[in-house]
Amino acid sequence: RKMMYQGQTPQSFNAMKLKRMYDSLSDDEKDILTD
């Protein structure tokens, strides 16, 4: 439990890096996204 955290929002990103990362995902990788 000491290593566990509960996720909230916001989640924040460098916008251009987020786009590059998302575009690089395979369909299978997109299917397992939770956030």
Full PDB file with SEQRES, HELIX, SHEET, SSBOND, CRYST1, ORIGX, SCALE, CONECT and MASTER records, all heavy atoms in Angstrom:
SEQRES   1 A   35  ARG LYS MET MET TYR GLN GLY GLN THR PRO GLN SER PHE          
SEQRES   2 A   35  ASN ALA MET LYS LEU LYS ARG MET TYR ASP SER LEU SER          
SEQRES   3 A   35  ASP ASP GLU LYS ASP ILE LEU THR ASP                          
HELIX    1 AA1 ALA A   15  ASP A   23  1                                   9    
HELIX    2 AA2 ASP A   27  ASP A   31  1                                   5    
CRYST1    1.000    1.000    1.000  90.00  90.00  90.00 P 1           1          
ORIGX1      1.000000  0.000000  0.000000        0.00000                         
ORIGX2      0.000000  1.000000  0.000000        0.00000                         
ORIGX3      0.000000  0.000000  1.000000        0.00000                         
SCALE1      1.000000  0.000000  0.000000        0.00000                         
SCALE2      0.000000  1.000000  0.000000        0.00000                         
SCALE3      0.000000  0.000000  1.000000        0.00000                         
ATOM      1  N   ARG A   1       0.819  -1.213   0.000  1.00  0.00           N  
ATOM      2  CA  ARG A   1       0.000   0.000   0.000  1.00  0.00           C  
ATOM      3  C   ARG A   1       0.853   1.264   0.000  1.00  0.00           C  
ATOM      4  O   ARG A   1       0.437   2.309  -0.520  1.00  0.00           O  
ATOM      5  CB  ARG A   1      -0.930   0.004   1.213  1.00  0.00           C  
ATOM      6  CG  ARG A   1      -1.966   1.115   1.184  1.00  0.00           C  
ATOM      7  CD  ARG A   1      -2.918   1.011   2.339  1.00  0.00           C  
ATOM      8  NE  ARG A   1      -2.239   1.267   3.616  1.00  0.00           N  
ATOM      9  CZ  ARG A   1      -2.798   1.053   4.799  1.00  0.00           C  
ATOM     10  NH1 ARG A   1      -4.023   0.546   4.876  1.00  0.00           N  
ATOM     11  NH2 ARG A   1      -2.137   1.324   5.921  1.00  0.00           N  
ATOM     12  N   LYS A   2       2.052   1.190   0.568  1.00  0.00           N  
ATOM     13  CA  LYS A   2       2.915   2.375   0.619  1.00  0.00           C  
ATOM     14  C   LYS A   2       3.313   2.859  -0.772  1.00  0.00           C  
ATOM     15  O   LYS A   2       3.711   4.009  -0.948  1.00  0.00           O  
ATOM     16  CB  LYS A   2       4.168   2.070   1.442  1.00  0.00           C  
ATOM     17  CG  LYS A   2       3.898   1.851   2.928  1.00  0.00           C  
ATOM     18  CD  LYS A   2       5.180   1.586   3.686  1.00  0.00           C  
ATOM     19  CE  LYS A   2       4.912   1.376   5.173  1.00  0.00           C  
ATOM     20  NZ  LYS A   2       6.166   1.097   5.931  1.00  0.00           N  
ATOM     21  N   MET A   3       3.213   1.965  -1.761  1.00  0.00           N  
ATOM     22  CA  MET A   3       3.574   2.322  -3.126  1.00  0.00           C  
ATOM     23  C   MET A   3       2.358   2.639  -3.991  1.00  0.00           C  
ATOM     24  O   MET A   3       2.492   2.948  -5.182  1.00  0.00           O  
ATOM     25  CB  MET A   3       4.373   1.174  -3.759  1.00  0.00           C  
ATOM     26  CG  MET A   3       5.671   0.851  -3.038  1.00  0.00           C  
ATOM     27  SD  MET A   3       6.460  -0.648  -3.670  1.00  0.00           S  
ATOM     28  CE  MET A   3       6.774  -0.182  -5.370  1.00  0.00           C  
ATOM     29  N   MET A   4       1.164   2.566  -3.406  1.00  0.00           N  
ATOM     30  CA  MET A   4      -0.068   2.739  -4.167  1.00  0.00           C  
ATOM     31  C   MET A   4      -0.640   4.146  -3.995  1.00  0.00           C  
ATOM     32  O   MET A   4      -0.604   4.713  -2.899  1.00  0.00           O  
ATOM     33  CB  MET A   4      -1.125   1.724  -3.720  1.00  0.00           C  
ATOM     34  CG  MET A   4      -0.738   0.259  -3.924  1.00  0.00           C  
ATOM     35  SD  MET A   4      -0.598  -0.193  -5.669  1.00  0.00           S  
ATOM     36  CE  MET A   4       1.185  -0.381  -5.803  1.00  0.00           C  
ATOM     37  N   TYR A   5      -1.173   4.674  -5.072  1.00  0.00           N  
ATOM     38  CA  TYR A   5      -1.821   5.986  -5.062  1.00  0.00           C  
ATOM     39  C   TYR A   5      -3.146   5.881  -5.810  1.00  0.00           C  
ATOM     40  O   TYR A   5      -3.304   5.041  -6.704  1.00  0.00           O  
ATOM     41  CB  TYR A   5      -0.950   7.037  -5.741  1.00  0.00           C  
ATOM     42  CG  TYR A   5       0.333   7.330  -5.010  1.00  0.00           C  
ATOM     43  CD1 TYR A   5       1.453   6.511  -5.171  1.00  0.00           C  
ATOM     44  CD2 TYR A   5       0.440   8.415  -4.146  1.00  0.00           C  
ATOM     45  CE1 TYR A   5       2.633   6.759  -4.491  1.00  0.00           C  
ATOM     46  CE2 TYR A   5       1.616   8.688  -3.459  1.00  0.00           C  
ATOM     47  CZ  TYR A   5       2.705   7.854  -3.650  1.00  0.00           C  
ATOM     48  OH  TYR A   5       3.883   8.099  -2.973  1.00  0.00           O  
ATOM     49  N   GLN A   6      -4.069   6.748  -5.447  1.00  0.00           N  
ATOM     50  CA  GLN A   6      -5.331   6.846  -6.160  1.00  0.00           C  
ATOM     51  C   GLN A   6      -5.250   8.032  -7.115  1.00  0.00           C  
ATOM     52  O   GLN A   6      -4.943   9.146  -6.714  1.00  0.00           O  
ATOM     53  CB  GLN A   6      -6.492   7.056  -5.182  1.00  0.00           C  
ATOM     54  CG  GLN A   6      -6.719   5.883  -4.253  1.00  0.00           C  
ATOM     55  CD  GLN A   6      -7.690   6.226  -3.134  1.00  0.00           C  
ATOM     56  OE1 GLN A   6      -7.446   5.929  -1.965  1.00  0.00           O  
ATOM     57  NE2 GLN A   6      -8.798   6.878  -3.481  1.00  0.00           N  
ATOM     58  N   GLY A   7      -5.529   7.757  -8.392  1.00  0.00           N  
ATOM     59  CA  GLY A   7      -5.452   8.808  -9.382  1.00  0.00           C  
ATOM     60  C   GLY A   7      -6.658   9.731  -9.344  1.00  0.00           C  
ATOM     61  O   GLY A   7      -7.791   9.285  -9.139  1.00  0.00           O  
ATOM     62  N   GLN A   8      -6.397  10.997  -9.510  1.00  0.00           N  
ATOM     63  CA  GLN A   8      -7.456  11.989  -9.647  1.00  0.00           C  
ATOM     64  C   GLN A   8      -7.238  12.696 -10.995  1.00  0.00           C  
ATOM     65  O   GLN A   8      -6.635  12.147 -11.895  1.00  0.00           O  
ATOM     66  CB  GLN A   8      -7.397  12.998  -8.492  1.00  0.00           C  
ATOM     67  CG  GLN A   8      -7.598  12.398  -7.108  1.00  0.00           C  
ATOM     68  CD  GLN A   8      -7.617  13.457  -5.996  1.00  0.00           C  
ATOM     69  OE1 GLN A   8      -7.100  14.551  -6.140  1.00  0.00           O  
ATOM     70  NE2 GLN A   8      -8.244  13.087  -4.883  1.00  0.00           N  
ATOM     71  N   THR A   9      -7.787  13.856 -11.136  1.00  0.00           N  
ATOM     72  CA  THR A   9      -7.403  14.775 -12.203  1.00  0.00           C  
ATOM     73  C   THR A   9      -7.252  16.134 -11.547  1.00  0.00           C  
ATOM     74  O   THR A   9      -7.798  16.344 -10.462  1.00  0.00           O  
ATOM     75  CB  THR A   9      -8.451  14.856 -13.352  1.00  0.00           C  
ATOM     76  OG1 THR A   9      -9.693  15.355 -12.867  1.00  0.00           O  
ATOM     77  CG2 THR A   9      -8.647  13.506 -14.009  1.00  0.00           C  
ATOM     78  N   PRO A  10      -6.475  17.031 -12.160  1.00  0.00           N  
ATOM     79  CA  PRO A  10      -6.012  17.056 -13.544  1.00  0.00           C  
ATOM     80  C   PRO A  10      -4.866  16.075 -13.825  1.00  0.00           C  
ATOM     81  O   PRO A  10      -4.158  15.652 -12.931  1.00  0.00           O  
ATOM     82  CB  PRO A  10      -5.503  18.497 -13.725  1.00  0.00           C  
ATOM     83  CG  PRO A  10      -5.981  19.270 -12.563  1.00  0.00           C  
ATOM     84  CD  PRO A  10      -6.136  18.295 -11.468  1.00  0.00           C  
ATOM     85  N   GLN A  11      -4.760  15.782 -15.117  1.00  0.00           N  
ATOM     86  CA  GLN A  11      -3.563  15.204 -15.697  1.00  0.00           C  
ATOM     87  C   GLN A  11      -3.100  16.214 -16.740  1.00  0.00           C  
ATOM     88  O   GLN A  11      -3.904  16.646 -17.570  1.00  0.00           O  
ATOM     89  CB  GLN A  11      -3.853  13.856 -16.347  1.00  0.00           C  
ATOM     90  CG  GLN A  11      -4.268  12.791 -15.346  1.00  0.00           C  
ATOM     91  CD  GLN A  11      -4.565  11.472 -16.027  1.00  0.00           C  
ATOM     92  OE1 GLN A  11      -5.007  11.441 -17.177  1.00  0.00           O  
ATOM     93  NE2 GLN A  11      -4.331  10.380 -15.324  1.00  0.00           N  
ATOM     94  N   SER A  12      -1.842  16.583 -16.677  1.00  0.00           N  
ATOM     95  CA  SER A  12      -1.378  17.681 -17.529  1.00  0.00           C  
ATOM     96  C   SER A  12      -0.153  17.275 -18.330  1.00  0.00           C  
ATOM     97  O   SER A  12       0.664  16.475 -17.871  1.00  0.00           O  
ATOM     98  CB  SER A  12      -1.078  18.914 -16.673  1.00  0.00           C  
ATOM     99  OG  SER A  12      -2.236  19.301 -15.950  1.00  0.00           O  
ATOM    100  N   PHE A  13      -0.034  17.870 -19.540  1.00  0.00           N  
ATOM    101  CA  PHE A  13       0.975  17.400 -20.483  1.00  0.00           C  
ATOM    102  C   PHE A  13       1.504  18.530 -21.353  1.00  0.00           C  
ATOM    103  O   PHE A  13       0.808  19.521 -21.604  1.00  0.00           O  
ATOM    104  CB  PHE A  13       0.362  16.340 -21.415  1.00  0.00           C  
ATOM    105  CG  PHE A  13      -0.391  15.264 -20.702  1.00  0.00           C  
ATOM    106  CD1 PHE A  13      -1.766  15.368 -20.520  1.00  0.00           C  
ATOM    107  CD2 PHE A  13       0.269  14.168 -20.181  1.00  0.00           C  
ATOM    108  CE1 PHE A  13      -2.475  14.388 -19.847  1.00  0.00           C  
ATOM    109  CE2 PHE A  13      -0.426  13.177 -19.502  1.00  0.00           C  
ATOM    110  CZ  PHE A  13      -1.806  13.284 -19.335  1.00  0.00           C  
ATOM    111  N   ASN A  14       2.718  18.329 -21.827  1.00  0.00           N  
ATOM    112  CA  ASN A  14       3.202  19.101 -22.958  1.00  0.00           C  
ATOM    113  C   ASN A  14       2.315  18.685 -24.138  1.00  0.00           C  
ATOM    114  O   ASN A  14       2.259  17.512 -24.505  1.00  0.00           O  
ATOM    115  CB  ASN A  14       4.663  18.767 -23.231  1.00  0.00           C  
ATOM    116  CG  ASN A  14       5.206  19.432 -24.468  1.00  0.00           C  
ATOM    117  OD1 ASN A  14       4.761  19.167 -25.570  1.00  0.00           O  
ATOM    118  ND2 ASN A  14       6.198  20.274 -24.290  1.00  0.00           N  
ATOM    119  N   ALA A  15       1.590  19.635 -24.723  1.00  0.00           N  
ATOM    120  CA  ALA A  15       0.568  19.304 -25.714  1.00  0.00           C  
ATOM    121  C   ALA A  15       1.141  18.597 -26.942  1.00  0.00           C  
ATOM    122  O   ALA A  15       0.556  17.620 -27.444  1.00  0.00           O  
ATOM    123  CB  ALA A  15      -0.175  20.565 -26.137  1.00  0.00           C  
ATOM    124  N   MET A  16       2.274  19.064 -27.438  1.00  0.00           N  
ATOM    125  CA  MET A  16       2.852  18.456 -28.635  1.00  0.00           C  
ATOM    126  C   MET A  16       3.367  17.053 -28.338  1.00  0.00           C  
ATOM    127  O   MET A  16       3.225  16.135 -29.158  1.00  0.00           O  
ATOM    128  CB  MET A  16       3.966  19.342 -29.180  1.00  0.00           C  
ATOM    129  CG  MET A  16       3.457  20.670 -29.725  1.00  0.00           C  
ATOM    130  SD  MET A  16       4.742  21.686 -30.507  1.00  0.00           S  
ATOM    131  CE  MET A  16       5.039  20.753 -32.008  1.00  0.00           C  
ATOM    132  N   LYS A  17       3.934  16.872 -27.158  1.00  0.00           N  
ATOM    133  CA  LYS A  17       4.416  15.541 -26.783  1.00  0.00           C  
ATOM    134  C   LYS A  17       3.247  14.580 -26.596  1.00  0.00           C  
ATOM    135  O   LYS A  17       3.328  13.407 -26.991  1.00  0.00           O  
ATOM    136  CB  LYS A  17       5.240  15.626 -25.494  1.00  0.00           C  
ATOM    137  CG  LYS A  17       5.991  14.338 -25.170  1.00  0.00           C  
ATOM    138  CD  LYS A  17       6.946  14.555 -24.012  1.00  0.00           C  
ATOM    139  CE  LYS A  17       7.773  13.296 -23.756  1.00  0.00           C  
ATOM    140  NZ  LYS A  17       8.746  13.480 -22.645  1.00  0.00           N  
ATOM    141  N   LEU A  18       2.151  15.063 -26.014  1.00  0.00           N  
ATOM    142  CA  LEU A  18       0.967  14.223 -25.852  1.00  0.00           C  
ATOM    143  C   LEU A  18       0.472  13.744 -27.206  1.00  0.00           C  
ATOM    144  O   LEU A  18       0.153  12.561 -27.377  1.00  0.00           O  
ATOM    145  CB  LEU A  18      -0.133  15.008 -25.135  1.00  0.00           C  
ATOM    146  CG  LEU A  18      -1.489  14.311 -25.019  1.00  0.00           C  
ATOM    147  CD1 LEU A  18      -1.388  13.032 -24.202  1.00  0.00           C  
ATOM    148  CD2 LEU A  18      -2.529  15.253 -24.404  1.00  0.00           C  
ATOM    149  N   LYS A  19       0.403  14.635 -28.170  1.00  0.00           N  
ATOM    150  CA  LYS A  19      -0.062  14.242 -29.506  1.00  0.00           C  
ATOM    151  C   LYS A  19       0.875  13.215 -30.119  1.00  0.00           C  
ATOM    152  O   LYS A  19       0.420  12.215 -30.695  1.00  0.00           O  
ATOM    153  CB  LYS A  19      -0.177  15.466 -30.414  1.00  0.00           C  
ATOM    154  CG  LYS A  19      -0.566  15.095 -31.857  1.00  0.00           C  
ATOM    155  CD  LYS A  19      -0.800  16.285 -32.717  1.00  0.00           C  
ATOM    156  CE  LYS A  19      -0.952  15.896 -34.201  1.00  0.00           C  
ATOM    157  NZ  LYS A  19      -1.940  14.807 -34.418  1.00  0.00           N  
ATOM    158  N   ARG A  20       2.187  13.439 -30.009  1.00  0.00           N  
ATOM    159  CA  ARG A  20       3.137  12.486 -30.585  1.00  0.00           C  
ATOM    160  C   ARG A  20       3.000  11.121 -29.928  1.00  0.00           C  
ATOM    161  O   ARG A  20       3.006  10.081 -30.607  1.00  0.00           O  
ATOM    162  CB  ARG A  20       4.576  13.003 -30.424  1.00  0.00           C  
ATOM    163  CG  ARG A  20       4.924  14.186 -31.306  1.00  0.00           C  
ATOM    164  CD  ARG A  20       6.424  14.410 -31.368  1.00  0.00           C  
ATOM    165  NE  ARG A  20       6.992  14.739 -30.074  1.00  0.00           N  
ATOM    166  CZ  ARG A  20       7.140  15.989 -29.626  1.00  0.00           C  
ATOM    167  NH1 ARG A  20       6.765  17.010 -30.375  1.00  0.00           N  
ATOM    168  NH2 ARG A  20       7.684  16.221 -28.441  1.00  0.00           N  
ATOM    169  N   MET A  21       2.866  11.109 -28.603  1.00  0.00           N  
ATOM    170  CA  MET A  21       2.733   9.845 -27.886  1.00  0.00           C  
ATOM    171  C   MET A  21       1.444   9.122 -28.289  1.00  0.00           C  
ATOM    172  O   MET A  21       1.436   7.915 -28.529  1.00  0.00           O  
ATOM    173  CB  MET A  21       2.728  10.087 -26.375  1.00  0.00           C  
ATOM    174  CG  MET A  21       4.031  10.576 -25.769  1.00  0.00           C  
ATOM    175  SD  MET A  21       5.353   9.341 -25.760  1.00  0.00           S  
ATOM    176  CE  MET A  21       6.305   9.944 -27.151  1.00  0.00           C  
ATOM    177  N   TYR A  22       0.348   9.872 -28.352  1.00  0.00           N  
ATOM    178  CA  TYR A  22      -0.939   9.248 -28.679  1.00  0.00           C  
ATOM    179  C   TYR A  22      -0.931   8.699 -30.108  1.00  0.00           C  
ATOM    180  O   TYR A  22      -1.397   7.578 -30.357  1.00  0.00           O  
ATOM    181  CB  TYR A  22      -2.083  10.246 -28.506  1.00  0.00           C  
ATOM    182  CG  TYR A  22      -3.448   9.593 -28.612  1.00  0.00           C  
ATOM    183  CD1 TYR A  22      -3.998   8.923 -27.519  1.00  0.00           C  
ATOM    184  CD2 TYR A  22      -4.166   9.617 -29.793  1.00  0.00           C  
ATOM    185  CE1 TYR A  22      -5.231   8.292 -27.618  1.00  0.00           C  
ATOM    186  CE2 TYR A  22      -5.399   8.996 -29.900  1.00  0.00           C  
ATOM    187  CZ  TYR A  22      -5.927   8.339 -28.805  1.00  0.00           C  
ATOM    188  OH  TYR A  22      -7.147   7.703 -28.918  1.00  0.00           O  
ATOM    189  N   ASP A  23      -0.394   9.464 -31.027  1.00  0.00           N  
ATOM    190  CA  ASP A  23      -0.351   9.017 -32.428  1.00  0.00           C  
ATOM    191  C   ASP A  23       0.520   7.785 -32.616  1.00  0.00           C  
ATOM    192  O   ASP A  23       0.339   7.036 -33.580  1.00  0.00           O  
ATOM    193  CB  ASP A  23       0.161  10.149 -33.332  1.00  0.00           C  
ATOM    194  CG  ASP A  23      -0.850  11.274 -33.496  1.00  0.00           C  
ATOM    195  OD1 ASP A  23      -2.028  11.064 -33.157  1.00  0.00           O  
ATOM    196  OD2 ASP A  23      -0.452  12.364 -33.957  1.00  0.00           O  
ATOM    197  N   SER A  24       1.448   7.564 -31.688  1.00  0.00           N  
ATOM    198  CA  SER A  24       2.362   6.430 -31.820  1.00  0.00           C  
ATOM    199  C   SER A  24       1.777   5.134 -31.247  1.00  0.00           C  
ATOM    200  O   SER A  24       2.362   4.060 -31.419  1.00  0.00           O  
ATOM    201  CB  SER A  24       3.693   6.734 -31.131  1.00  0.00           C  
ATOM    202  OG  SER A  24       3.547   6.737 -29.714  1.00  0.00           O  
ATOM    203  N   LEU A  25       0.633   5.234 -30.564  1.00  0.00           N  
ATOM    204  CA  LEU A  25       0.024   4.043 -29.966  1.00  0.00           C  
ATOM    205  C   LEU A  25      -0.584   3.124 -31.026  1.00  0.00           C  
ATOM    206  O   LEU A  25      -1.155   3.589 -32.013  1.00  0.00           O  
ATOM    207  CB  LEU A  25      -1.083   4.442 -28.984  1.00  0.00           C  
ATOM    208  CG  LEU A  25      -0.691   5.204 -27.718  1.00  0.00           C  
ATOM    209  CD1 LEU A  25      -1.949   5.592 -26.946  1.00  0.00           C  
ATOM    210  CD2 LEU A  25       0.236   4.376 -26.835  1.00  0.00           C  
ATOM    211  N   SER A  26      -0.474   1.833 -30.782  1.00  0.00           N  
ATOM    212  CA  SER A  26      -1.174   0.870 -31.628  1.00  0.00           C  
ATOM    213  C   SER A  26      -2.639   0.808 -31.197  1.00  0.00           C  
ATOM    214  O   SER A  26      -3.013   1.299 -30.128  1.00  0.00           O  
ATOM    215  CB  SER A  26      -0.537  -0.516 -31.492  1.00  0.00           C  
ATOM    216  OG  SER A  26      -0.753  -1.023 -30.169  1.00  0.00           O  
ATOM    217  N   ASP A  27      -3.476   0.173 -32.007  1.00  0.00           N  
ATOM    218  CA  ASP A  27      -4.891   0.024 -31.641  1.00  0.00           C  
ATOM    219  C   ASP A  27      -5.032  -0.772 -30.351  1.00  0.00           C  
ATOM    220  O   ASP A  27      -5.890  -0.462 -29.509  1.00  0.00           O  
ATOM    221  CB  ASP A  27      -5.668  -0.662 -32.771  1.00  0.00           C  
ATOM    222  CG  ASP A  27      -5.834   0.240 -33.988  1.00  0.00           C  
ATOM    223  OD1 ASP A  27      -5.717   1.471 -33.833  1.00  0.00           O  
ATOM    224  OD2 ASP A  27      -6.079  -0.293 -35.091  1.00  0.00           O  
ATOM    225  N   ASP A  28      -4.194  -1.795 -30.171  1.00  0.00           N  
ATOM    226  CA  ASP A  28      -4.251  -2.606 -28.947  1.00  0.00           C  
ATOM    227  C   ASP A  28      -3.868  -1.760 -27.734  1.00  0.00           C  
ATOM    228  O   ASP A  28      -4.461  -1.910 -26.655  1.00  0.00           O  
ATOM    229  CB  ASP A  28      -3.317  -3.813 -29.056  1.00  0.00           C  
ATOM    230  CG  ASP A  28      -3.851  -4.862 -30.023  1.00  0.00           C  
ATOM    231  OD1 ASP A  28      -5.062  -4.843 -30.306  1.00  0.00           O  
ATOM    232  OD2 ASP A  28      -3.055  -5.700 -30.482  1.00  0.00           O  
ATOM    233  N   GLU A  29      -2.882  -0.896 -27.891  1.00  0.00           N  
ATOM    234  CA  GLU A  29      -2.472  -0.038 -26.778  1.00  0.00           C  
ATOM    235  C   GLU A  29      -3.573   0.964 -26.441  1.00  0.00           C  
ATOM    236  O   GLU A  29      -3.829   1.254 -25.265  1.00  0.00           O  
ATOM    237  CB  GLU A  29      -1.174   0.682 -27.134  1.00  0.00           C  
ATOM    238  CG  GLU A  29       0.045  -0.231 -27.120  1.00  0.00           C  
ATOM    239  CD  GLU A  29       1.287   0.445 -27.644  1.00  0.00           C  
ATOM    240  OE1 GLU A  29       1.183   1.377 -28.482  1.00  0.00           O  
ATOM    241  OE2 GLU A  29       2.403   0.056 -27.225  1.00  0.00           O  
ATOM    242  N   LYS A  30      -4.243   1.482 -27.451  1.00  0.00           N  
ATOM    243  CA  LYS A  30      -5.344   2.418 -27.205  1.00  0.00           C  
ATOM    244  C   LYS A  30      -6.491   1.729 -26.462  1.00  0.00           C  
ATOM    245  O   LYS A  30      -7.169   2.344 -25.642  1.00  0.00           O  
ATOM    246  CB  LYS A  30      -5.846   3.016 -28.512  1.00  0.00           C  
ATOM    247  CG  LYS A  30      -4.882   4.004 -29.148  1.00  0.00           C  
ATOM    248  CD  LYS A  30      -5.414   4.571 -30.459  1.00  0.00           C  
ATOM    249  CE  LYS A  30      -4.427   5.546 -31.079  1.00  0.00           C  
ATOM    250  NZ  LYS A  30      -4.910   6.090 -32.371  1.00  0.00           N  
ATOM    251  N   ASP A  31      -6.683   0.448 -26.743  1.00  0.00           N  
ATOM    252  CA  ASP A  31      -7.779  -0.293 -26.114  1.00  0.00           C  
ATOM    253  C   ASP A  31      -7.593  -0.450 -24.610  1.00  0.00           C  
ATOM    254  O   ASP A  31      -8.581  -0.618 -23.877  1.00  0.00           O  
ATOM    255  CB  ASP A  31      -7.934  -1.680 -26.750  1.00  0.00           C  
ATOM    256  CG  ASP A  31      -8.575  -1.620 -28.129  1.00  0.00           C  
ATOM    257  OD1 ASP A  31      -9.194  -0.589 -28.448  1.00  0.00           O  
ATOM    258  OD2 ASP A  31      -8.439  -2.600 -28.889  1.00  0.00           O  
ATOM    259  N   ILE A  32      -6.362  -0.410 -24.127  1.00  0.00           N  
ATOM    260  CA  ILE A  32      -6.132  -0.610 -22.696  1.00  0.00           C  
ATOM    261  C   ILE A  32      -5.954   0.701 -21.942  1.00  0.00           C  
ATOM    262  O   ILE A  32      -5.668   0.702 -20.752  1.00  0.00           O  
ATOM    263  CB  ILE A  32      -4.897  -1.516 -22.443  1.00  0.00           C  
ATOM    264  CG1 ILE A  32      -3.608  -0.845 -22.956  1.00  0.00           C  
ATOM    265  CG2 ILE A  32      -5.098  -2.894 -23.061  1.00  0.00           C  
ATOM    266  CD1 ILE A  32      -2.345  -1.593 -22.551  1.00  0.00           C  
ATOM    267  N   LEU A  33      -6.150   1.814 -22.634  1.00  0.00           N  
ATOM    268  CA  LEU A  33      -6.026   3.108 -21.964  1.00  0.00           C  
ATOM    269  C   LEU A  33      -7.170   3.325 -20.990  1.00  0.00           C  
ATOM    270  O   LEU A  33      -8.328   3.087 -21.310  1.00  0.00           O  
ATOM    271  CB  LEU A  33      -6.035   4.255 -22.981  1.00  0.00           C  
ATOM    272  CG  LEU A  33      -4.777   4.491 -23.813  1.00  0.00           C  
ATOM    273  CD1 LEU A  33      -4.974   5.727 -24.680  1.00  0.00           C  
ATOM    274  CD2 LEU A  33      -3.558   4.656 -22.932  1.00  0.00           C  
ATOM    275  N   THR A  34      -6.833   3.771 -19.792  1.00  0.00           N  
ATOM    276  CA  THR A  34      -7.850   4.182 -18.823  1.00  0.00           C  
ATOM    277  C   THR A  34      -7.800   5.684 -18.585  1.00  0.00           C  
ATOM    278  O   THR A  34      -8.772   6.274 -18.118  1.00  0.00           O  
ATOM    279  CB  THR A  34      -7.655   3.455 -17.477  1.00  0.00           C  
ATOM    280  OG1 THR A  34      -6.288   3.627 -17.051  1.00  0.00           O  
ATOM    281  CG2 THR A  34      -7.968   1.975 -17.617  1.00  0.00           C  
ATOM    282  N   ASP A  35      -6.671   6.284 -18.904  1.00  0.00           N  
ATOM    283  CA  ASP A  35      -6.533   7.736 -18.811  1.00  0.00           C  
ATOM    284  C   ASP A  35      -5.325   8.168 -19.632  1.00  0.00           C  
ATOM    285  O   ASP A  35      -4.568   7.349 -20.130  1.00  0.00           O  
ATOM    286  CB  ASP A  35      -6.416   8.200 -17.354  1.00  0.00           C  
ATOM    287  CG  ASP A  35      -5.239   7.572 -16.633  1.00  0.00           C  
ATOM    288  OD1 ASP A  35      -4.137   7.515 -17.215  1.00  0.00           O  
ATOM    289  OD2 ASP A  35      -5.407   7.138 -15.481  1.00  0.00           O  
TER     290      ASP A  35                                                      
MASTER        0    0    0    2    0    0    0    6  289    1    0    3          
END                                                                             
